[in-house]
Amino acid sequence: MNWRVKGVFVVLLAVMVWGALGCDSRARQAGEEGNLQFFYNPADDSSRFDRPLAVGSEMLLFAEPLRARELDEIIAVEVGSEAIMSAEVSREERDPPAILLRGRSAGETTMMVRARGDGETYTDSITLEVSSVEQVELAHLCTASRDAAYVMQHDLLLKMERQNRSGDALVGSARSSEDLVGSCQVEMNPAFFQDKAHCDEVGLHFPAHIFTELETFSLSVIPEVDTLGSSHRVTNVHIIHPDELFFDGVEGELQVESNRNIQLNPRSYHEDFPVCMNLWMEVSVLTPDLCTGENGALDFEVEPSDENQFRMRGVREGYCEFEVVFPQIDHHPWVFETYVDQR
């Protein structure tokens, strides 16, 4: 092989390998014997593996083989201290196989895993930490303000970070409950909400069916293990009717022959609070001679996971108009405009 061609090949191969590794953003860590890699999928998409599991919470820890080994099944798992953590092979068939962990009390323990693959049996181990919830941060996801609105009969999500005494963020999911075992380990006020939510790395999730009326309430949370004397974290929640929803214009300008982000920020009409809700959108461009969707589309959909943001492309200078329907709310079309700059 010509040395220049060979050099290019080596560089390309290195880039491909680096890219494959770089794209692996899971929270992962190799076992102490180097036979298995362990990973989990936190709700906040963090790649940090070393965050402690919260007491009362559980999580699925997945395993995959290293060193060109095969992994057909996990035969057994054992923990050094079941008083700190319990572990069992997940009963559901998963690929890769998983282990269900439950935090019981604060401390560190080692978990040993026995696995089988390609007719071979081997082991690996990993040290895991469990921490008590001793600090809590509660806030709205869409604003730093204490007040925000939410549309009735829709799921409600509040940002809540559980921390240990050192301020480390904790992981795992649980139901909110009056029973400390298998709970979020926080006390809620009003008490009505105490057993209505579940928590994970993102926050507190409340189901839509409990918000059937227009109301305003202040929600506070405090850790059950309040050794630090934490103050209550108070957040004001306003449940509104869909008719109260409006938008304060468009955030973002377009530029000719360039793709730019467009953000729609929903607000409450009467109280003028931000509405923390990621909306499903059906977008139709009304001025195709001035603007299009990112890839030239004139009709496209925006999913809630896009957080009320999408990309459009400027074609010619002028006022770009587009129509948006929000099917989660109603089928009334909203018309928006933004300027396309020649620069």
Protein backbone atom coordinates (compact mmCIF):
# COMPACT_ATOMS: atom_id res chain seq x y z
CA MET A 1 0.00 0.00 0.00
CA ASN A 2 1.28 3.47 -0.90
CA TRP A 3 2.52 5.17 2.34
CA ARG A 4 0.30 8.20 1.74
CA VAL A 5 -2.77 6.03 1.22
CA LYS A 6 -1.80 3.99 4.25
CA GLY A 7 -1.43 7.16 6.31
CA VAL A 8 -4.85 8.40 5.25
CA PHE A 9 -6.34 4.98 6.08
CA VAL A 10 -4.81 5.03 9.57
CA VAL A 11 -6.10 8.55 10.22
CA LEU A 12 -9.60 7.63 9.04
CA LEU A 13 -9.57 4.50 11.19
CA ALA A 14 -8.49 6.52 14.23
CA VAL A 15 -11.23 9.07 13.61
CA MET A 16 -13.83 6.28 13.30
CA VAL A 17 -12.69 4.66 16.56
CA TRP A 18 -12.53 8.00 18.39
CA GLY A 19 -15.98 8.89 17.06
CA ALA A 20 -17.45 5.59 18.20
CA LEU A 21 -16.03 6.09 21.68
CA GLY A 22 -16.89 9.78 21.80
CA CYS A 23 -20.53 9.11 20.89
CA ASP A 24 -20.91 6.74 23.84
CA SER A 25 -22.31 9.24 26.33
CA ARG A 26 -23.83 6.70 28.71
CA ALA A 27 -22.98 6.68 32.40
CA ARG A 28 -20.55 3.76 32.29
CA GLN A 29 -17.62 2.19 34.10
CA ALA A 30 -15.51 -0.93 33.59
CA GLY A 31 -15.56 -3.64 36.23
CA GLU A 32 -12.57 -4.14 38.52
CA GLU A 33 -11.50 -7.33 36.69
CA GLY A 34 -11.96 -5.79 33.23
CA ASN A 35 -14.37 -8.44 31.97
CA LEU A 36 -17.58 -6.37 32.01
CA GLN A 37 -18.58 -2.79 31.50
CA PHE A 38 -21.49 -1.52 33.58
CA PHE A 39 -23.76 1.35 32.54
CA TYR A 40 -27.13 2.90 33.27
CA ASN A 41 -29.38 5.42 31.53
CA PRO A 42 -30.18 8.33 33.87
CA ALA A 43 -33.23 10.44 33.03
CA ASP A 44 -31.08 13.59 32.89
CA ASP A 45 -28.77 12.05 30.23
CA SER A 46 -25.68 12.60 32.39
CA SER A 47 -22.61 10.52 31.54
CA ARG A 48 -21.34 10.53 35.15
CA PHE A 49 -21.29 7.03 36.59
CA ASP A 50 -20.00 7.85 40.07
CA ARG A 51 -23.15 9.54 41.43
CA PRO A 52 -24.51 7.67 44.48
CA LEU A 53 -27.81 5.80 44.40
CA ALA A 54 -30.38 7.41 46.69
CA VAL A 55 -31.68 5.49 49.68
CA GLY A 56 -35.19 4.28 48.82
CA SER A 57 -34.57 4.44 45.06
CA GLU A 58 -33.87 1.77 42.49
CA MET A 59 -32.16 1.63 39.11
CA LEU A 60 -31.33 -0.79 36.32
CA LEU A 61 -27.62 -1.40 35.86
CA PHE A 62 -26.75 -2.98 32.52
CA ALA A 63 -23.70 -5.12 31.74
CA GLU A 64 -21.86 -5.73 28.49
CA PRO A 65 -18.70 -7.74 27.76
CA LEU A 66 -15.16 -6.43 27.39
CA ARG A 67 -11.93 -8.02 26.07
CA ALA A 68 -13.74 -9.70 23.16
CA ARG A 69 -15.76 -11.80 25.59
CA GLU A 70 -19.35 -12.85 24.94
CA LEU A 71 -22.24 -12.25 27.34
CA ASP A 72 -25.29 -14.48 27.04
CA GLU A 73 -26.62 -14.11 30.57
CA ILE A 74 -25.91 -12.98 34.09
CA ILE A 75 -26.03 -16.07 36.28
CA ALA A 76 -25.92 -14.46 39.71
CA VAL A 77 -25.12 -11.27 41.61
CA GLU A 78 -23.96 -10.84 45.19
CA VAL A 79 -23.40 -7.69 47.25
CA GLY A 80 -21.03 -7.35 50.18
CA SER A 81 -23.69 -5.72 52.36
CA GLU A 82 -27.38 -6.24 51.69
CA ALA A 83 -28.05 -3.72 54.45
CA ILE A 84 -26.67 -1.06 52.09
CA MET A 85 -27.97 -2.29 48.75
CA SER A 86 -29.93 -5.18 47.29
CA ALA A 87 -29.21 -6.51 43.80
CA GLU A 88 -30.94 -9.09 41.65
CA VAL A 89 -30.88 -10.10 38.01
CA SER A 90 -33.73 -8.37 36.20
CA ARG A 91 -36.58 -10.80 35.55
CA GLU A 92 -37.40 -9.14 32.24
CA GLU A 93 -35.49 -10.29 29.18
CA ARG A 94 -33.18 -7.44 28.21
CA ASP A 95 -30.36 -7.00 25.76
CA PRO A 96 -27.89 -6.34 27.22
CA PRO A 97 -28.86 -8.05 30.49
CA ALA A 98 -29.55 -5.89 33.53
CA ILE A 99 -29.36 -5.92 37.32
CA LEU A 100 -31.98 -4.25 39.51
CA LEU A 101 -30.37 -2.26 42.33
CA ARG A 102 -32.23 -0.87 45.38
CA GLY A 103 -30.65 1.57 47.84
CA ARG A 104 -31.31 0.63 51.49
CA SER A 105 -28.91 2.64 53.65
CA ALA A 106 -25.94 4.96 53.25
CA GLY A 107 -22.55 3.37 52.58
CA GLU A 108 -20.34 1.65 50.01
CA THR A 109 -20.51 -1.98 49.00
CA THR A 110 -19.00 -4.22 46.33
CA MET A 111 -21.18 -6.15 43.92
CA MET A 112 -19.86 -9.35 42.35
CA VAL A 113 -21.36 -10.54 39.06
CA ARG A 114 -21.11 -14.06 37.64
CA ALA A 115 -21.74 -14.18 33.90
CA ARG A 116 -21.78 -16.73 31.07
CA GLY A 117 -20.98 -16.26 27.42
CA ASP A 118 -19.94 -18.52 24.56
CA GLY A 119 -19.75 -21.50 26.93
CA GLU A 120 -17.43 -19.69 29.34
CA THR A 121 -18.23 -18.59 32.90
CA TYR A 122 -16.43 -15.58 34.35
CA THR A 123 -16.84 -12.90 37.04
CA ASP A 124 -16.39 -9.21 37.59
CA SER A 125 -17.08 -6.77 40.41
CA ILE A 126 -17.77 -3.09 41.00
CA THR A 127 -17.96 -0.83 44.05
CA LEU A 128 -21.16 1.18 44.39
CA GLU A 129 -22.27 3.91 46.79
CA VAL A 130 -25.65 4.62 48.39
CA SER A 131 -26.42 7.97 50.06
CA SER A 132 -29.26 9.42 52.09
CA VAL A 133 -31.23 12.34 50.68
CA GLU A 134 -30.16 15.24 52.92
CA GLN A 135 -30.61 18.25 50.62
CA VAL A 136 -33.26 19.03 48.02
CA GLU A 137 -33.42 21.67 45.27
CA LEU A 138 -36.87 22.29 43.76
CA ALA A 139 -37.59 24.57 40.80
CA HIS A 140 -39.50 24.97 37.55
CA LEU A 141 -37.79 23.60 34.46
CA CYS A 142 -38.63 26.54 32.20
CA THR A 143 -37.87 29.51 34.46
CA ALA A 144 -35.80 30.58 37.44
CA SER A 145 -38.84 32.43 38.79
CA ARG A 146 -40.79 31.00 41.71
CA ASP A 147 -44.04 31.16 39.67
CA ALA A 148 -44.96 29.18 36.57
CA ALA A 149 -48.15 27.88 34.96
CA TYR A 150 -49.11 24.41 33.79
CA VAL A 151 -52.04 23.38 31.59
CA MET A 152 -54.72 21.36 33.36
CA GLN A 153 -55.15 17.65 32.59
CA HIS A 154 -51.54 17.33 31.46
CA ASP A 155 -48.57 15.73 33.17
CA LEU A 156 -46.59 18.09 35.37
CA LEU A 157 -42.83 17.92 35.83
CA LEU A 158 -40.88 19.94 38.40
CA LYS A 159 -37.10 20.00 38.53
CA MET A 160 -35.92 18.40 41.77
CA GLU A 161 -32.34 17.46 42.56
CA ARG A 162 -31.76 15.19 45.53
CA GLN A 163 -28.33 15.55 47.15
CA ASN A 164 -26.39 13.95 49.97
CA ARG A 165 -24.65 15.84 52.78
CA SER A 166 -21.67 16.63 50.52
CA GLY A 167 -23.91 18.14 47.85
CA ASP A 168 -23.47 15.23 45.41
CA ALA A 169 -26.47 14.71 43.12
CA LEU A 170 -28.16 11.35 43.68
CA VAL A 171 -29.60 8.94 41.12
CA GLY A 172 -32.38 6.37 40.95
CA SER A 173 -36.14 6.43 40.67
CA ALA A 174 -38.89 5.89 43.24
CA ARG A 175 -42.47 6.67 44.10
CA SER A 176 -43.22 9.48 46.49
CA SER A 177 -44.70 7.85 49.57
CA GLU A 178 -45.38 8.28 53.26
CA ASP A 179 -43.39 5.06 53.75
CA LEU A 180 -39.62 5.64 53.75
CA VAL A 181 -38.97 2.24 52.15
CA GLY A 182 -38.92 2.58 48.37
CA SER A 183 -39.69 6.30 48.35
CA CYS A 184 -38.24 9.60 47.12
CA GLN A 185 -37.23 10.36 50.72
CA VAL A 186 -38.81 13.82 50.67
CA GLU A 187 -41.73 15.29 52.58
CA MET A 188 -44.18 17.32 50.50
CA ASN A 189 -46.52 20.09 51.52
CA PRO A 190 -49.46 20.12 50.76
CA ALA A 191 -49.58 16.53 52.00
CA PHE A 192 -52.10 15.70 49.24
CA PHE A 193 -49.19 15.29 46.83
CA GLN A 194 -47.12 13.02 49.09
CA ASP A 195 -48.11 9.77 47.35
CA LYS A 196 -49.00 11.17 43.93
CA ALA A 197 -45.62 11.51 42.18
CA HIS A 198 -42.54 9.60 41.19
CA CYS A 199 -39.01 10.98 41.13
CA ASP A 200 -35.86 10.41 39.10
CA GLU A 201 -32.71 12.30 38.12
CA VAL A 202 -34.73 15.04 36.40
CA GLY A 203 -37.29 15.72 39.09
CA LEU A 204 -40.82 15.14 40.35
CA HIS A 205 -43.35 13.74 37.88
CA PHE A 206 -47.06 14.21 38.60
CA PRO A 207 -49.78 12.48 36.50
CA ALA A 208 -52.29 14.49 34.50
CA HIS A 209 -55.38 13.05 36.20
CA ILE A 210 -54.81 14.93 39.47
CA PHE A 211 -54.97 18.35 37.79
CA THR A 212 -58.59 18.60 36.71
CA GLU A 213 -59.40 22.05 38.11
CA LEU A 214 -58.02 25.56 37.89
CA GLU A 215 -55.98 26.17 41.01
CA THR A 216 -52.89 27.79 42.46
CA PHE A 217 -50.80 26.20 45.18
CA SER A 218 -47.35 26.46 46.74
CA LEU A 219 -45.44 23.18 46.82
CA SER A 220 -42.57 22.68 49.22
CA VAL A 221 -40.28 19.71 49.74
CA ILE A 222 -37.87 18.89 52.51
CA PRO A 223 -35.63 15.83 52.86
CA GLU A 224 -36.84 13.15 55.23
CA VAL A 225 -33.30 12.93 56.66
CA ASP A 226 -32.93 16.64 57.41
CA THR A 227 -29.67 16.58 59.37
CA LEU A 228 -28.54 19.83 57.72
CA GLY A 229 -31.64 21.77 58.73
CA SER A 230 -32.47 22.51 55.09
CA SER A 231 -35.00 25.23 54.46
CA HIS A 232 -38.17 24.39 52.59
CA ARG A 233 -37.93 24.79 48.82
CA VAL A 234 -41.16 26.53 47.80
CA THR A 235 -42.45 26.65 44.24
CA ASN A 236 -45.72 28.29 43.16
CA VAL A 237 -47.74 26.29 40.66
CA HIS A 238 -50.64 27.76 38.65
CA ILE A 239 -52.93 25.27 36.90
CA ILE A 240 -54.56 27.01 33.93
CA HIS A 241 -57.14 26.27 31.23
CA PRO A 242 -55.81 25.80 27.67
CA ASP A 243 -57.69 28.95 26.63
CA GLU A 244 -55.32 30.99 28.82
CA LEU A 245 -52.31 30.01 26.74
CA PHE A 246 -50.68 32.64 24.56
CA PHE A 247 -47.25 33.34 23.07
CA ASP A 248 -45.20 36.49 23.40
CA GLY A 249 -43.96 36.49 19.82
CA VAL A 250 -41.10 34.52 18.31
CA GLU A 251 -37.61 34.25 19.73
CA GLY A 252 -35.06 34.17 16.94
CA GLU A 253 -34.53 35.90 13.58
CA LEU A 254 -33.86 34.20 10.26
CA GLN A 255 -31.08 34.93 7.82
CA VAL A 256 -31.02 34.39 4.07
CA GLU A 257 -29.47 31.02 3.10
CA SER A 258 -28.95 30.07 6.73
CA ASN A 259 -30.67 27.71 9.19
CA ARG A 260 -31.60 29.34 12.49
CA ASN A 261 -33.38 28.27 15.69
CA ILE A 262 -36.92 29.47 16.32
CA GLN A 263 -38.26 29.35 19.89
CA LEU A 264 -41.90 29.70 20.92
CA ASN A 265 -42.40 30.58 24.60
CA PRO A 266 -45.89 29.85 25.94
CA ARG A 267 -47.27 32.07 28.71
CA SER A 268 -50.40 32.40 30.82
CA TYR A 269 -52.61 35.21 29.50
CA HIS A 270 -54.17 36.37 32.79
CA GLU A 271 -51.20 36.11 35.17
CA ASP A 272 -48.42 36.49 32.58
CA PHE A 273 -46.43 33.55 33.97
CA PRO A 274 -44.30 31.30 31.76
CA VAL A 275 -46.05 28.01 30.94
CA CYS A 276 -43.73 25.06 31.53
CA MET A 277 -44.98 22.72 28.86
CA ASN A 278 -43.21 21.21 25.87
CA LEU A 279 -45.71 21.21 23.03
CA TRP A 280 -46.31 19.05 20.01
CA MET A 281 -46.45 21.37 16.98
CA GLU A 282 -47.69 21.04 13.42
CA VAL A 283 -45.98 23.82 11.46
CA SER A 284 -47.04 25.11 8.03
CA VAL A 285 -45.04 27.80 6.21
CA LEU A 286 -47.30 30.52 4.78
CA THR A 287 -44.60 32.47 2.88
CA PRO A 288 -42.50 29.86 1.03
CA ASP A 289 -40.88 32.56 -1.10
CA LEU A 290 -39.33 33.99 2.10
CA CYS A 291 -38.66 30.97 4.34
CA THR A 292 -38.94 27.20 4.68
CA GLY A 293 -38.26 24.51 7.20
CA GLU A 294 -34.64 23.50 7.77
CA ASN A 295 -34.58 21.07 4.85
CA GLY A 296 -36.88 23.04 2.58
CA ALA A 297 -40.05 21.49 4.04
CA LEU A 298 -43.20 23.61 4.05
CA ASP A 299 -45.08 21.38 6.51
CA PHE A 300 -43.38 19.61 9.40
CA GLU A 301 -43.91 18.47 12.98
CA VAL A 302 -42.04 19.43 16.14
CA GLU A 303 -41.97 16.93 19.00
CA PRO A 304 -42.22 17.81 22.72
CA SER A 305 -38.66 16.56 23.19
CA ASP A 306 -37.51 19.53 21.06
CA GLU A 307 -38.59 21.85 23.92
CA ASN A 308 -40.63 24.26 21.77
CA GLN A 309 -37.71 24.90 19.44
CA PHE A 310 -37.27 24.15 15.74
CA ARG A 311 -35.10 25.29 12.83
CA MET A 312 -36.11 27.30 9.77
CA ARG A 313 -34.23 28.61 6.77
CA GLY A 314 -34.36 32.09 5.31
CA VAL A 315 -34.90 32.33 1.53
CA ARG A 316 -35.36 36.04 0.86
CA GLU A 317 -35.49 39.21 2.96
CA GLY A 318 -38.89 40.03 4.41
CA TYR A 319 -41.37 38.87 7.04
CA CYS A 320 -41.61 35.08 7.22
CA GLU A 321 -45.05 33.84 8.33
CA PHE A 322 -45.88 30.38 9.54
CA GLU A 323 -48.92 28.72 11.10
CA VAL A 324 -48.72 26.40 14.10
CA VAL A 325 -51.34 24.01 15.47
CA PHE A 326 -50.85 22.59 18.99
CA PRO A 327 -52.85 19.32 18.94
CA GLN A 328 -52.27 18.65 22.66
CA ILE A 329 -54.24 21.80 23.43
CA ASP A 330 -56.72 22.31 20.59
CA HIS A 331 -56.76 22.54 16.81
CA HIS A 332 -56.89 26.32 16.61
CA PRO A 333 -54.12 27.61 14.29
CA TRP A 334 -51.74 30.31 15.53
CA VAL A 335 -49.94 32.54 13.04
CA PHE A 336 -46.42 33.79 13.84
CA GLU A 337 -43.95 35.94 11.97
CA THR A 338 -40.25 36.64 12.16
CA TYR A 339 -37.95 38.75 10.02
CA VAL A 340 -35.58 37.29 7.45
CA ASP A 341 -32.42 39.41 7.36
CA GLN A 342 -30.32 39.75 4.22
CA ARG A 343 -27.01 39.76 6.16
